[in-house]
Amino acid sequence: MPCLNLTKLDAASPDFNQQLQQLLAWDESDDLDIHQRVLDIITDVRNNGDKAVIDYTNRFDQRHITQAGEFELSQETLKSAWESLPTDQAQALQMAADRVRAYAEHQKMQSWQYTEADGTVLGQKITPLDRVGLYVPGGKASYPSSVLMNAIPAKVAGVDQLIMVVPTPQGETNQLVLAAAFLAGVDRVFTVGGAQAIAALAYGTETIPAVAKIVGPGNIYVATAKKLVFGQVGIDMIAGPSEILIICDGKTNPDWIAMDLFSQAEHDENAQAILISDDSDYLEAVEQSINKLLPGMERAEIIKASLSARGALIKVDNLKQAAHVANIIAPEHLELSVEDPVALSEHIRHAGAIFMGRYTAEALGDYCAGPNHVLPTSGTARFSSPLGVYDFQKRSSLINCSQAGADTLGKTASVLARGESLTAHARSAEFRIKSG
């Protein structure tokens, strides 16, 4: 395999910012043909329910379903999948689940309230969502870790019913995925996928219940469907390609860093892996490690395509400047492979997840560290956060006015309402003002 030609940038270059923006540019423009096909599927499912879901599933997944009841897998099937796992897989899945659950327990929001001097009570009531839909990819892609990451926080939040949909091309199920569903407490599983599954979860059919929110990864048809049903239901996020940004001070084994870059580049050709360092010799050493290790990787061609198209080695003057560049990028995954990661993290404002120190490989976060691996991509870490328990809880404001509070607040509300020419608002408040 010929040597990889990685993009190299220098923060000291006059046009660095322009070069960086070109590197980060990701054309996620909507494919209008896909958009229209997905819209047609959603409309069909909305109008024809189970019949449409059966038709699309038989067509796209080469199934032979005759009635909608055949879609659902029993709890006994899920339990059997769990009990039939090899010991090492069962132990690994259990450990990951326990750690995700322990971390999620710390995220639960609690209701609160306070009483003002006149007796008025103000507060916030926290309520879990009633029913949530979880999309899980099927076929070649099998992600039991995603089942745990999406389902466990929902259950910790108190979601009463968690509905999982997973495509099973030619009727083939993935035992690890089903075992993870059992372990995570998924309530119902339907073997449907694609845009038709998203439509069924959003609007409900005779068999598949409508949900309040849909979470989980999927292909372009699933992502487009989630965009189109947003508003009817909530969604987690629209995820772009996977990303990793590593800041290194030049003292970590370059083979480790090369493999960390590979760990995200192997996802797909559009994934982005970037290394920032203040040591130019070290950047060269990592490049040598990349070229040395790449031929031995199972997904070498995908990694090569990813690194060639969107990867980069960036030279900076110092680690503080590295943090500044990282904040511009706002990466999904950020590794701080430096002597004092805690000090450097003080300068980080935008990142989905921060992996601290030389021994914290990003891959640990993907599977079993505990924090969620569903993270904001494509710079959206500037304004959004990892999936968590809070995404499955909602807040209601509480206002309980005392008589004295109604008198005081009513006068203020009256003035403001009349200023907006909303007389009924004003009079509604004025009725409760004490006469005289």
Protein backbone atom coordinates (compact mmCIF):
# COMPACT_ATOMS: atom_id res chain seq x y z
CA MET A 1 0.00 0.00 0.00
CA PRO A 2 1.53 3.36 -1.03
CA CYS A 3 2.22 5.99 1.64
CA LEU A 4 -0.74 8.07 2.74
CA ASN A 5 -0.66 11.74 1.80
CA LEU A 6 -2.10 13.52 4.84
CA THR A 7 -3.11 17.17 4.83
CA LYS A 8 -0.71 19.26 6.91
CA LEU A 9 -1.64 22.65 8.33
CA ASP A 10 0.31 25.18 10.38
CA ALA A 11 -1.50 27.57 12.68
CA ALA A 12 1.20 30.16 11.99
CA SER A 13 0.20 30.32 8.33
CA PRO A 14 -1.57 33.58 7.34
CA ASP A 15 -4.42 31.67 5.69
CA PHE A 16 -4.71 29.00 8.40
CA ASN A 17 -8.31 29.85 9.31
CA GLN A 18 -9.40 29.55 5.71
CA GLN A 19 -7.55 26.24 5.31
CA LEU A 20 -9.13 24.95 8.52
CA GLN A 21 -12.63 25.82 7.38
CA GLN A 22 -12.04 24.05 4.08
CA LEU A 23 -10.86 20.98 6.01
CA LEU A 24 -13.95 21.01 8.23
CA ALA A 25 -16.43 21.71 5.43
CA TRP A 26 -18.98 18.95 5.22
CA ASP A 27 -21.55 19.07 2.43
CA GLU A 28 -24.67 17.68 4.01
CA SER A 29 -27.00 19.17 1.43
CA ASP A 30 -30.27 17.32 1.14
CA ASP A 31 -30.67 14.88 -1.71
CA LEU A 32 -34.05 15.99 -3.03
CA ASP A 33 -34.73 12.59 -4.58
CA ILE A 34 -34.19 10.83 -1.24
CA HIS A 35 -36.22 13.55 0.49
CA GLN A 36 -39.20 12.95 -1.81
CA ARG A 37 -39.00 9.15 -1.53
CA VAL A 38 -38.91 9.35 2.25
CA LEU A 39 -41.80 11.80 2.28
CA ASP A 40 -43.83 9.39 0.13
CA ILE A 41 -43.08 6.53 2.53
CA ILE A 42 -44.09 8.60 5.56
CA THR A 43 -47.34 9.65 3.89
CA ASP A 44 -48.12 6.05 2.93
CA VAL A 45 -47.50 4.74 6.45
CA ARG A 46 -49.50 7.58 7.95
CA ASN A 47 -52.45 6.80 5.67
CA ASN A 48 -52.27 3.00 5.48
CA GLY A 49 -50.60 1.93 8.74
CA ASP A 50 -49.56 -1.70 9.06
CA LYS A 51 -50.28 -2.49 5.42
CA ALA A 52 -47.72 0.07 4.22
CA VAL A 53 -45.14 -1.09 6.78
CA ILE A 54 -45.59 -4.71 5.66
CA ASP A 55 -45.25 -3.75 1.98
CA TYR A 56 -42.05 -1.75 2.48
CA THR A 57 -40.50 -4.33 4.79
CA ASN A 58 -41.14 -7.17 2.35
CA ARG A 59 -39.74 -5.09 -0.49
CA PHE A 60 -36.65 -3.61 1.15
CA ASP A 61 -35.71 -6.41 3.56
CA GLN A 62 -36.71 -9.38 1.40
CA ARG A 63 -39.17 -10.58 4.03
CA HIS A 64 -42.40 -12.54 3.57
CA ILE A 65 -44.58 -10.97 6.25
CA THR A 66 -48.32 -11.50 5.83
CA GLN A 67 -49.61 -9.88 9.03
CA ALA A 68 -48.22 -7.18 11.31
CA GLY A 69 -48.14 -9.43 14.36
CA GLU A 70 -45.15 -11.21 12.83
CA PHE A 71 -43.03 -8.10 13.30
CA GLU A 72 -42.87 -8.27 17.09
CA LEU A 73 -40.29 -10.32 18.96
CA SER A 74 -41.32 -11.74 22.32
CA GLN A 75 -39.54 -11.05 25.60
CA GLU A 76 -38.76 -14.77 25.63
CA THR A 77 -36.85 -14.33 22.36
CA LEU A 78 -34.84 -11.47 23.85
CA LYS A 79 -34.14 -13.43 27.03
CA SER A 80 -33.06 -16.47 25.01
CA ALA A 81 -30.62 -14.31 23.04
CA TRP A 82 -29.11 -13.08 26.30
CA GLU A 83 -28.87 -16.53 27.85
CA SER A 84 -27.27 -18.03 24.74
CA LEU A 85 -24.40 -15.53 24.55
CA PRO A 86 -20.84 -16.84 25.01
CA THR A 87 -19.58 -16.08 28.52
CA ASP A 88 -17.06 -13.44 27.45
CA GLN A 89 -19.67 -11.51 25.46
CA ALA A 90 -22.23 -11.73 28.25
CA GLN A 91 -19.74 -10.48 30.82
CA ALA A 92 -18.59 -7.61 28.60
CA LEU A 93 -22.16 -6.57 27.81
CA GLN A 94 -23.14 -6.75 31.48
CA MET A 95 -20.14 -4.67 32.57
CA ALA A 96 -20.84 -2.05 29.92
CA ALA A 97 -24.52 -1.91 30.89
CA ASP A 98 -23.70 -1.53 34.58
CA ARG A 99 -21.29 1.32 33.90
CA VAL A 100 -23.67 3.16 31.56
CA ARG A 101 -26.44 2.81 34.15
CA ALA A 102 -24.25 4.01 37.04
CA TYR A 103 -23.23 7.11 35.08
CA ALA A 104 -26.80 7.78 33.97
CA GLU A 105 -28.05 7.69 37.56
CA HIS A 106 -26.01 10.84 38.24
CA GLN A 107 -27.79 12.70 35.43
CA LYS A 108 -31.35 12.51 36.69
CA MET A 109 -32.98 15.91 37.09
CA GLN A 110 -35.11 16.41 40.19
CA SER A 111 -38.21 18.50 40.73
CA TRP A 112 -37.76 21.59 42.88
CA GLN A 113 -39.73 24.52 44.28
CA TYR A 114 -39.38 27.50 46.58
CA THR A 115 -41.82 29.69 48.54
CA GLU A 116 -41.76 33.47 48.35
CA ALA A 117 -42.40 35.73 51.31
CA ASP A 118 -46.09 36.22 50.43
CA GLY A 119 -46.70 32.48 50.18
CA THR A 120 -46.49 32.14 46.39
CA VAL A 121 -44.86 28.88 45.39
CA LEU A 122 -42.75 28.59 42.23
CA GLY A 123 -41.02 25.48 41.00
CA GLN A 124 -40.27 22.95 38.32
CA LYS A 125 -41.79 19.51 37.90
CA ILE A 126 -39.71 16.81 36.17
CA THR A 127 -41.61 14.11 34.28
CA PRO A 128 -40.28 11.23 32.16
CA LEU A 129 -41.54 10.81 28.61
CA ASP A 130 -44.34 8.25 28.36
CA ARG A 131 -43.05 6.28 25.39
CA VAL A 132 -39.81 6.45 23.39
CA GLY A 133 -38.77 4.81 20.11
CA LEU A 134 -35.25 3.46 19.62
CA TYR A 135 -33.97 2.85 16.11
CA VAL A 136 -31.20 0.24 15.83
CA PRO A 137 -29.42 -0.48 12.53
CA GLY A 138 -29.65 -4.04 11.24
CA GLY A 139 -28.11 -6.15 8.53
CA LYS A 140 -24.32 -5.85 8.30
CA ALA A 141 -24.27 -3.21 11.03
CA SER A 142 -24.82 -4.56 14.52
CA TYR A 143 -24.37 -2.14 17.38
CA PRO A 144 -25.30 -3.63 20.75
CA SER A 145 -23.37 -0.76 22.36
CA SER A 146 -25.81 1.72 20.80
CA VAL A 147 -28.73 -0.22 22.28
CA LEU A 148 -27.23 0.20 25.75
CA MET A 149 -26.35 3.87 25.22
CA ASN A 150 -29.84 4.81 24.02
CA ALA A 151 -32.03 2.50 26.09
CA ILE A 152 -30.46 2.63 29.55
CA PRO A 153 -30.67 6.42 30.02
CA ALA A 154 -34.31 6.27 28.93
CA LYS A 155 -35.07 3.65 31.54
CA VAL A 156 -33.11 5.50 34.23
CA ALA A 157 -35.18 8.58 33.38
CA GLY A 158 -38.33 6.56 34.09
CA VAL A 159 -39.67 6.13 30.54
CA ASP A 160 -42.59 3.76 30.92
CA GLN A 161 -42.42 2.08 27.51
CA LEU A 162 -39.37 1.77 25.27
CA ILE A 163 -40.11 0.55 21.74
CA MET A 164 -37.18 -0.71 19.66
CA VAL A 165 -37.28 -1.10 15.88
CA VAL A 166 -34.54 -3.00 14.07
CA PRO A 167 -34.51 -4.18 10.45
CA THR A 168 -33.83 -7.89 9.90
CA PRO A 169 -32.91 -8.36 6.23
CA GLN A 170 -34.10 -11.77 5.04
CA GLY A 171 -35.32 -12.37 8.58
CA GLU A 172 -31.82 -12.48 10.06
CA THR A 173 -31.56 -11.20 13.64
CA ASN A 174 -28.43 -10.26 15.56
CA GLN A 175 -28.24 -12.06 18.89
CA LEU A 176 -25.96 -9.48 20.52
CA VAL A 177 -28.39 -6.69 19.68
CA LEU A 178 -31.34 -8.64 21.06
CA ALA A 179 -29.37 -9.57 24.18
CA ALA A 180 -28.51 -5.91 24.72
CA ALA A 181 -32.20 -5.02 24.37
CA PHE A 182 -33.07 -7.55 27.06
CA LEU A 183 -30.32 -6.31 29.36
CA ALA A 184 -31.30 -2.67 28.90
CA GLY A 185 -34.98 -3.27 29.64
CA VAL A 186 -36.47 -2.62 26.20
CA ASP A 187 -40.22 -3.31 26.44
CA ARG A 188 -41.16 -4.16 22.85
CA VAL A 189 -39.12 -4.97 19.73
CA PHE A 190 -40.38 -4.78 16.15
CA THR A 191 -38.33 -6.10 13.22
CA VAL A 192 -38.89 -3.16 10.90
CA GLY A 193 -36.44 -0.55 9.70
CA GLY A 194 -35.85 2.32 7.32
CA ALA A 195 -38.05 5.36 6.85
CA GLN A 196 -41.14 3.18 7.33
CA ALA A 197 -40.09 2.36 10.88
CA ILE A 198 -39.56 6.04 11.72
CA ALA A 199 -42.98 6.89 10.27
CA ALA A 200 -44.63 4.09 12.25
CA LEU A 201 -43.05 5.33 15.49
CA ALA A 202 -44.01 8.93 14.77
CA TYR A 203 -47.65 8.40 13.80
CA GLY A 204 -48.43 4.92 15.09
CA THR A 205 -50.05 2.04 13.25
CA GLU A 206 -52.55 -0.60 14.32
CA THR A 207 -49.63 -2.62 15.73
CA ILE A 208 -46.75 -0.23 16.41
CA PRO A 209 -47.59 2.43 19.00
CA ALA A 210 -46.79 6.10 18.43
CA VAL A 211 -43.99 7.49 20.61
CA ALA A 212 -43.08 10.91 21.99
CA LYS A 213 -39.44 10.85 20.88
CA ILE A 214 -37.24 8.84 18.51
CA VAL A 215 -33.55 8.22 19.18
CA GLY A 216 -30.84 6.10 17.59
CA PRO A 217 -28.60 6.08 14.50
CA GLY A 218 -29.49 5.06 10.97
CA ASN A 219 -28.67 5.52 7.29
CA ILE A 220 -29.54 8.53 5.12
CA TYR A 221 -33.18 7.37 4.76
CA VAL A 222 -33.58 7.06 8.52
CA ALA A 223 -31.89 10.42 9.15
CA THR A 224 -34.07 12.11 6.54
CA ALA A 225 -37.20 10.55 8.00
CA LYS A 226 -36.25 11.78 11.48
CA LYS A 227 -35.88 15.30 10.09
CA LEU A 228 -39.29 15.13 8.44
CA VAL A 229 -41.21 13.82 11.46
CA PHE A 230 -39.57 16.24 13.90
CA GLY A 231 -42.34 18.32 15.42
CA GLN A 232 -44.74 15.41 15.46
CA VAL A 233 -42.19 13.76 17.75
CA GLY A 234 -38.92 14.81 19.33
CA ILE A 235 -35.63 13.42 18.00
CA ASP A 236 -32.20 13.10 19.56
CA MET A 237 -30.06 14.71 16.85
CA ILE A 238 -29.09 14.49 13.19
CA ALA A 239 -25.68 12.88 13.31
CA GLY A 240 -22.95 13.54 10.77
CA PRO A 241 -19.82 11.46 10.16
CA SER A 242 -17.78 10.36 13.17
CA GLU A 243 -14.95 12.64 14.31
CA ILE A 244 -11.88 12.50 16.51
CA LEU A 245 -9.51 15.33 17.37
CA ILE A 246 -6.37 14.58 19.35
CA ILE A 247 -4.16 17.14 21.06
CA CYS A 248 -0.79 15.66 21.96
CA ASP A 249 2.33 17.19 23.52
CA GLY A 250 4.62 14.80 21.66
CA LYS A 251 5.20 12.39 24.52
CA THR A 252 2.62 9.67 23.82
CA ASN A 253 3.65 6.56 21.87
CA PRO A 254 2.98 7.58 18.24
CA ASP A 255 1.58 4.11 17.47
CA TRP A 256 -1.12 4.70 20.09
CA ILE A 257 -2.12 8.00 18.51
CA ALA A 258 -2.11 6.53 14.99
CA MET A 259 -4.46 3.76 16.12
CA ASP A 260 -6.71 6.26 17.92
CA LEU A 261 -7.02 8.16 14.64
CA PHE A 262 -7.82 4.88 12.87
CA SER A 263 -10.52 4.07 15.43
CA GLN A 264 -12.79 6.75 14.00
CA ALA A 265 -11.51 6.79 10.43
CA GLU A 266 -12.58 3.15 10.06
CA HIS A 267 -16.25 4.08 10.50
CA ASP A 268 -16.60 5.37 6.94
CA GLU A 269 -14.87 7.37 4.24
CA ASN A 270 -16.41 10.62 5.47
CA ALA A 271 -15.19 10.28 9.06
CA GLN A 272 -12.68 12.89 10.22
CA ALA A 273 -9.51 12.28 12.25
CA ILE A 274 -7.21 15.19 13.15
CA LEU A 275 -4.06 15.44 15.27
CA ILE A 276 -2.81 18.73 16.73
CA SER A 277 0.64 19.06 18.30
CA ASP A 278 3.21 21.72 19.12
CA ASP A 279 5.99 19.28 18.17
CA SER A 280 6.61 19.04 14.42
CA ASP A 281 8.94 16.04 14.84
CA TYR A 282 6.18 14.22 16.66
CA LEU A 283 3.69 14.91 13.85
CA GLU A 284 6.15 13.26 11.47
CA ALA A 285 6.53 10.30 13.85
CA VAL A 286 2.77 9.76 13.95
CA GLU A 287 2.62 9.97 10.16
CA GLN A 288 5.26 7.24 10.01
CA SER A 289 3.21 5.14 12.45
CA ILE A 290 0.13 5.63 10.29
CA ASN A 291 1.90 4.34 7.21
CA LYS A 292 3.44 1.45 9.17
CA LEU A 293 0.21 0.27 10.79
CA LEU A 294 -2.31 0.96 8.03
CA PRO A 295 -1.57 -2.11 5.83
CA GLY A 296 -2.43 -4.43 8.72
CA MET A 297 -5.89 -2.98 9.33
CA GLU A 298 -9.00 -4.92 8.26
CA ARG A 299 -10.67 -1.72 7.06
CA ALA A 300 -7.48 -0.24 5.58
CA GLU A 301 -9.16 1.09 2.43
CA ILE A 302 -11.86 2.94 4.39
CA ILE A 303 -9.26 4.37 6.80
CA LYS A 304 -7.07 5.46 3.91
CA ALA A 305 -9.98 7.16 2.14
CA SER A 306 -11.06 8.92 5.34
CA LEU A 307 -7.61 10.18 6.27
CA SER A 308 -6.80 11.22 2.70
CA ALA A 309 -10.01 13.20 2.24
CA ARG A 310 -10.67 14.68 5.67
CA GLY A 311 -7.75 13.84 7.98
CA ALA A 312 -5.02 16.31 8.97
CA LEU A 313 -1.92 16.96 11.04
CA ILE A 314 -1.92 20.47 12.50
CA LYS A 315 1.14 22.22 13.92
CA VAL A 316 0.56 24.85 16.63
CA ASP A 317 2.91 27.01 18.69
CA ASN A 318 1.71 25.79 22.09
CA LEU A 319 -1.04 23.79 23.79
CA LYS A 320 -3.13 26.85 24.57
CA GLN A 321 -3.28 27.55 20.84
CA ALA A 322 -4.19 23.89 20.32
CA ALA A 323 -7.17 24.37 22.64
CA HIS A 324 -8.19 27.46 20.66
CA VAL A 325 -8.16 25.47 17.41
CA ALA A 326 -10.08 22.64 19.11
CA ASN A 327 -12.79 25.10 20.14
CA ILE A 328 -13.17 26.21 16.51
CA ILE A 329 -13.50 22.58 15.40
CA ALA A 330 -15.87 21.64 18.28
CA PRO A 331 -15.23 17.91 17.77
CA GLU A 332 -17.40 14.96 18.64
CA HIS A 333 -14.50 13.21 20.41
CA LEU A 334 -11.51 15.11 21.85
CA GLU A 335 -8.47 13.34 23.26
CA LEU A 336 -6.13 15.38 25.46
CA SER A 337 -3.06 13.16 25.30
CA VAL A 338 -0.87 15.48 27.34
CA GLU A 339 1.00 15.60 30.65
CA ASP A 340 -1.67 17.68 32.43
CA PRO A 341 -5.02 17.10 30.73
CA VAL A 342 -6.99 18.68 33.58
CA ALA A 343 -5.21 22.01 33.13
CA LEU A 344 -5.65 21.90 29.36
CA SER A 345 -9.34 21.00 29.69
CA GLU A 346 -9.92 24.34 31.40
CA HIS A 347 -9.37 25.95 28.00
CA ILE A 348 -11.80 23.62 26.17
CA ARG A 349 -15.28 25.02 25.62
CA HIS A 350 -16.68 22.93 22.77
CA ALA A 351 -16.44 19.13 22.57
CA GLY A 352 -18.91 16.27 22.72
CA ALA A 353 -16.74 14.14 24.98
CA ILE A 354 -13.27 14.83 26.38
CA PHE A 355 -10.88 11.93 26.92
CA MET A 356 -8.26 12.88 29.47
CA GLY A 357 -4.67 11.66 29.50
CA ARG A 358 -2.49 9.25 27.57
CA TYR A 359 -4.26 6.08 28.73
CA THR A 360 -7.80 7.12 27.83
CA ALA A 361 -8.47 5.80 24.34
CA GLU A 362 -11.61 7.17 22.71
CA ALA A 363 -12.69 3.59 22.01
CA LEU A 364 -13.32 3.08 25.74
CA GLY A 365 -16.01 5.73 25.55
CA ASP A 366 -17.63 3.97 22.62
CA TYR A 367 -18.26 0.84 24.64
CA CYS A 368 -17.89 0.76 28.36
CA ALA A 369 -16.47 3.84 30.12
CA GLY A 370 -19.97 4.93 31.16
CA PRO A 371 -20.70 8.31 29.53
CA ASN A 372 -22.90 8.20 26.46
CA HIS A 373 -21.37 7.66 23.03
CA VAL A 374 -24.23 9.46 21.25
CA LEU A 375 -22.52 12.80 20.73
CA PRO A 376 -22.94 16.01 18.71
CA THR A 377 -21.03 16.04 15.40
CA SER A 378 -20.21 18.52 12.62
CA GLY A 379 -19.44 21.37 15.02
CA THR A 380 -22.78 21.13 16.81
CA ALA A 381 -20.94 20.64 20.12
CA ARG A 382 -20.92 24.46 20.10
CA PHE A 383 -24.56 24.35 21.20
CA SER A 384 -25.56 20.77 21.99
CA SER A 385 -24.65 17.98 24.36
CA PRO A 386 -24.29 14.20 24.58
CA LEU A 387 -27.45 12.11 24.82
CA GLY A 388 -28.38 11.61 28.44
CA VAL A 389 -31.12 10.95 30.96
CA TYR A 390 -32.21 14.59 30.62
CA ASP A 391 -33.19 13.91 26.98
CA PHE A 392 -35.89 11.55 28.25
CA GLN A 393 -37.25 13.91 30.90
CA LYS A 394 -39.26 17.06 30.41
CA ARG A 395 -39.79 20.09 32.61
CA SER A 396 -43.06 21.73 33.60
CA SER A 397 -43.15 25.08 35.38
CA LEU A 398 -45.12 25.29 38.63
CA ILE A 399 -46.85 28.52 39.69
CA ASN A 400 -49.08 28.58 42.77
CA CYS A 401 -50.04 32.13 43.73
CA SER A 402 -51.16 33.05 47.18
CA GLN A 403 -53.88 35.70 47.50
CA ALA A 404 -51.25 38.30 48.30
CA GLY A 405 -49.11 37.12 45.38
CA ALA A 406 -52.05 37.36 42.98
CA ASP A 407 -52.59 40.94 44.14
CA THR A 408 -48.97 42.01 43.59
CA LEU A 409 -48.39 40.09 40.36
CA GLY A 410 -51.84 41.01 39.02
CA LYS A 411 -51.05 44.72 39.11
CA THR A 412 -47.79 44.17 37.24
CA ALA A 413 -49.39 41.84 34.70
CA SER A 414 -52.23 44.31 34.14
CA VAL A 415 -49.87 47.14 33.25
CA LEU A 416 -47.85 44.95 30.86
CA ALA A 417 -50.92 43.38 29.24
CA ARG A 418 -52.57 46.75 28.60
CA GLY A 419 -49.28 47.92 27.14
CA GLU A 420 -49.62 45.09 24.63
CA SER A 421 -53.32 45.89 24.04
CA LEU A 422 -54.37 42.49 25.35
CA THR A 423 -57.30 43.58 27.48
CA ALA A 424 -58.59 40.13 28.39
CA HIS A 425 -55.17 39.25 29.77
CA ALA A 426 -55.24 42.39 31.89
CA ARG A 427 -58.78 41.89 33.19
CA SER A 428 -58.09 38.22 33.99
CA ALA A 429 -55.29 39.35 36.27
CA GLU A 430 -57.28 42.34 37.62
CA PHE A 431 -60.20 40.14 38.77
CA ARG A 432 -57.84 38.70 41.38
CA ILE A 433 -56.55 42.03 42.66
CA LYS A 434 -57.94 42.94 46.08
CA SER A 435 -60.43 45.80 45.83
CA GLY A 436 -59.37 49.09 47.41
